[in-house]
Amino acid sequence: MGLVRGYLATSLDGFIADAEDEVAWLERPRDSGLPLAAPPWSDAPADGLEFDDFLADVGCIVMGRRTLEVVAEFPGPWAYGDTPMLVLTSHPLPAVPPSVTAFSGTIEEVVDEAQRIAGDRDVYVDGGKTIRAAIDAGLLDHLVVTMLPTALGAGIPLLAGLANRAEFTLERVARWGPGFVQMHLTTRA
């Protein structure tokens, strides 16, 4: 059985989307004119985990409906290819690829089903509420957080709102993209 993993980007103040549920700030040019990083960090080679490399090990995705609605609006082809996806929801889904299925149940039930589908491959849990539920249930094994040096002030939190205290072990810190910091964390001993 593979790992249950998360992979998200966050602002410096811990938000994965702004107050309008937008994630365009992740790629938008900076208004301040400040560079993302200064030497020597900006000169270091990027050695972070690229999303496509992460996704190559994934056999099933678990996502909340709110996150699905955001990613379904991304321009270009569907980012998840044919990887099976279970969306936690009790409502009908909008138009989605055939690999996407609605799932009504607990986080434990959906992760169990995702592990069955994934077989020996990893399960990717995505979305703030869904990640927090997986952490609270003790189901998340590994978390990759890519942090941008931008503070949003408000928005959709990554970890704020956990029901229980959560502790992580830092495996490594990497430079990703044009100057972002990527933390690789484990949640199990």
Protein backbone atom coordinates (compact mmCIF):
# COMPACT_ATOMS: atom_id res chain seq x y z
CA MET A 1 0.00 0.00 0.00
CA GLY A 2 1.27 3.45 -0.91
CA LEU A 3 1.38 6.58 1.21
CA VAL A 4 -1.40 9.10 1.83
CA ARG A 5 0.13 12.41 0.77
CA GLY A 6 -0.69 16.06 0.36
CA TYR A 7 0.90 18.60 -1.99
CA LEU A 8 -0.12 22.25 -1.70
CA ALA A 9 1.13 25.80 -2.06
CA THR A 10 0.57 28.35 0.66
CA SER A 11 1.15 32.01 1.34
CA LEU A 12 3.57 33.04 4.07
CA ASP A 13 0.59 33.51 6.39
CA GLY A 14 -0.77 30.02 5.70
CA PHE A 15 -3.51 30.50 3.10
CA ILE A 16 -3.96 28.20 0.08
CA ALA A 17 -6.41 30.57 -1.64
CA ASP A 18 -7.30 34.19 -1.12
CA ALA A 19 -10.58 35.45 0.39
CA GLU A 20 -12.33 35.10 -3.01
CA ASP A 21 -11.20 31.45 -3.38
CA GLU A 22 -8.71 32.55 -6.06
CA VAL A 23 -5.26 31.03 -6.53
CA ALA A 24 -4.07 33.34 -9.33
CA TRP A 25 -1.77 35.06 -6.81
CA LEU A 26 0.43 31.96 -7.05
CA GLU A 27 1.55 32.93 -10.56
CA ARG A 28 0.63 36.60 -10.90
CA PRO A 29 3.49 39.13 -11.22
CA ARG A 30 4.18 40.92 -7.97
CA ASP A 31 2.79 44.47 -7.62
CA SER A 32 5.62 45.53 -5.29
CA GLY A 33 8.41 44.88 -7.76
CA LEU A 34 10.25 42.96 -5.03
CA PRO A 35 12.03 39.84 -6.24
CA LEU A 36 10.80 36.49 -4.93
CA ALA A 37 14.27 35.68 -3.60
CA ALA A 38 17.68 37.28 -3.12
CA PRO A 39 21.12 35.74 -3.52
CA PRO A 40 22.35 33.24 -2.58
CA TRP A 41 18.88 31.59 -2.45
CA SER A 42 17.88 32.97 -5.85
CA ASP A 43 21.09 31.58 -7.37
CA ALA A 44 20.66 28.09 -5.93
CA PRO A 45 19.37 25.38 -8.25
CA ALA A 46 15.72 24.48 -7.79
CA ASP A 47 15.58 21.00 -6.26
CA GLY A 48 11.96 20.86 -5.13
CA LEU A 49 9.44 18.20 -6.09
CA GLU A 50 7.61 19.19 -9.25
CA PHE A 51 3.87 18.48 -9.32
CA ASP A 52 4.10 16.18 -12.36
CA ASP A 53 6.76 14.08 -10.58
CA PHE A 54 4.58 13.96 -7.46
CA LEU A 55 1.51 12.95 -9.48
CA ALA A 56 3.43 10.16 -11.25
CA ASP A 57 3.38 8.15 -7.99
CA VAL A 58 -0.35 8.73 -7.34
CA GLY A 59 -2.95 6.03 -7.98
CA CYS A 60 -6.01 7.92 -6.68
CA ILE A 61 -6.85 11.48 -5.64
CA VAL A 62 -9.18 12.56 -2.82
CA MET A 63 -10.44 16.11 -3.14
CA GLY A 64 -13.12 18.26 -1.58
CA ARG A 65 -15.86 19.69 -3.78
CA ARG A 66 -14.76 23.28 -3.20
CA THR A 67 -11.24 22.47 -4.40
CA LEU A 68 -12.64 20.62 -7.42
CA GLU A 69 -14.65 23.69 -8.40
CA VAL A 70 -11.48 25.82 -8.25
CA VAL A 71 -9.25 23.44 -10.23
CA ALA A 72 -11.98 22.74 -12.80
CA GLU A 73 -11.70 26.42 -13.80
CA PHE A 74 -7.95 26.25 -14.50
CA PRO A 75 -7.16 26.96 -18.16
CA GLY A 76 -5.69 24.23 -20.29
CA PRO A 77 -6.02 20.47 -20.11
CA TRP A 78 -7.17 18.65 -16.96
CA ALA A 79 -4.06 18.60 -14.71
CA TYR A 80 -4.75 15.14 -13.27
CA GLY A 81 -4.90 13.14 -16.49
CA ASP A 82 -6.76 9.84 -16.13
CA THR A 83 -5.89 9.38 -12.45
CA PRO A 84 -9.05 8.32 -10.59
CA MET A 85 -10.42 11.04 -8.31
CA LEU A 86 -12.95 10.75 -5.47
CA VAL A 87 -14.62 14.05 -4.57
CA LEU A 88 -16.06 14.34 -1.08
CA THR A 89 -19.54 15.79 -1.62
CA SER A 90 -23.20 15.11 -1.05
CA HIS A 91 -24.22 17.12 -4.13
CA PRO A 92 -24.09 16.35 -7.85
CA LEU A 93 -20.80 17.28 -9.51
CA PRO A 94 -20.45 19.86 -12.27
CA ALA A 95 -19.24 18.65 -15.67
CA VAL A 96 -16.06 16.72 -14.90
CA PRO A 97 -13.83 14.18 -16.66
CA PRO A 98 -14.93 10.51 -16.45
CA SER A 99 -12.11 9.78 -13.98
CA VAL A 100 -13.88 11.93 -11.34
CA THR A 101 -16.48 10.35 -9.04
CA ALA A 102 -18.57 11.86 -6.24
CA PHE A 103 -18.13 10.16 -2.86
CA SER A 104 -20.38 10.74 0.15
CA GLY A 105 -18.87 9.49 3.39
CA THR A 106 -16.29 10.15 6.07
CA ILE A 107 -12.65 10.96 5.47
CA GLU A 108 -11.80 7.47 6.73
CA GLU A 109 -14.18 5.86 4.24
CA VAL A 110 -12.99 7.88 1.25
CA VAL A 111 -9.29 7.33 2.03
CA ASP A 112 -9.95 3.61 2.46
CA GLU A 113 -11.66 3.48 -0.94
CA ALA A 114 -8.90 5.58 -2.51
CA GLN A 115 -6.27 3.18 -1.14
CA ARG A 116 -8.19 0.26 -2.60
CA ILE A 117 -8.27 1.99 -6.00
CA ALA A 118 -4.62 3.10 -5.79
CA GLY A 119 -3.30 -0.35 -4.87
CA ASP A 120 0.45 -0.02 -4.27
CA ARG A 121 0.52 3.61 -5.43
CA ASP A 122 0.02 6.74 -3.33
CA VAL A 123 -3.21 8.52 -2.49
CA TYR A 124 -3.13 12.29 -3.01
CA VAL A 125 -5.36 14.28 -0.63
CA ASP A 126 -6.00 17.85 -1.79
CA GLY A 127 -7.85 20.88 -0.44
CA GLY A 128 -7.63 22.65 2.90
CA LYS A 129 -10.67 21.13 4.60
CA THR A 130 -9.87 17.65 3.27
CA ILE A 131 -6.19 17.83 4.29
CA ARG A 132 -7.20 19.00 7.79
CA ALA A 133 -9.71 16.14 8.10
CA ALA A 134 -7.06 13.62 7.02
CA ILE A 135 -4.57 15.02 9.55
CA ASP A 136 -7.17 15.02 12.35
CA ALA A 137 -8.03 11.39 11.52
CA GLY A 138 -4.36 10.39 11.58
CA LEU A 139 -4.45 9.34 7.91
CA LEU A 140 -1.89 11.65 6.27
CA ASP A 141 1.63 10.20 5.95
CA HIS A 142 3.46 12.92 4.06
CA LEU A 143 2.89 16.58 3.22
CA VAL A 144 4.69 18.79 0.70
CA VAL A 145 4.06 22.50 1.31
CA THR A 146 5.43 25.05 -1.14
CA MET A 147 5.49 28.49 0.49
CA LEU A 148 5.52 31.75 -1.43
CA PRO A 149 6.94 34.92 0.17
CA THR A 150 3.58 36.70 0.00
CA ALA A 151 1.14 37.41 2.84
CA LEU A 152 -2.53 37.48 1.82
CA GLY A 153 -4.04 38.60 5.13
CA ALA A 154 -7.14 36.44 4.70
CA GLY A 155 -8.32 33.46 2.74
CA ILE A 156 -8.70 29.68 2.87
CA PRO A 157 -6.29 28.31 5.50
CA LEU A 158 -4.15 25.23 5.06
CA LEU A 159 -3.83 24.10 8.68
CA ALA A 160 -5.73 26.64 10.78
CA GLY A 161 -8.86 24.95 12.10
CA LEU A 162 -7.40 21.53 12.91
CA ALA A 163 -9.42 19.84 15.64
CA ASN A 164 -6.25 18.53 17.29
CA ARG A 165 -2.64 19.54 17.65
CA ALA A 166 -0.57 18.05 14.83
CA GLU A 167 3.18 17.49 14.84
CA PHE A 168 5.33 16.92 11.78
CA THR A 169 8.90 15.84 11.13
CA LEU A 170 10.80 17.99 8.66
CA GLU A 171 12.49 15.74 6.08
CA ARG A 172 13.99 18.45 3.93
CA VAL A 173 13.61 22.00 2.67
CA ALA A 174 14.07 22.65 -1.03
CA ARG A 175 14.06 25.57 -3.42
CA TRP A 176 11.18 25.35 -5.89
CA GLY A 177 10.49 27.43 -8.97
CA PRO A 178 11.73 31.01 -9.05
CA GLY A 179 12.40 31.27 -5.33
CA PHE A 180 9.71 29.47 -3.35
CA VAL A 181 10.49 27.30 -0.32
CA GLN A 182 9.23 23.73 -0.33
CA MET A 183 8.98 21.78 2.92
CA HIS A 184 8.72 17.99 2.91
CA LEU A 185 7.07 16.80 6.12
CA THR A 186 6.13 13.43 7.52
CA THR A 187 3.31 12.96 9.98
CA ARG A 188 4.22 9.48 11.22
CA ALA A 189 7.23 8.08 13.04
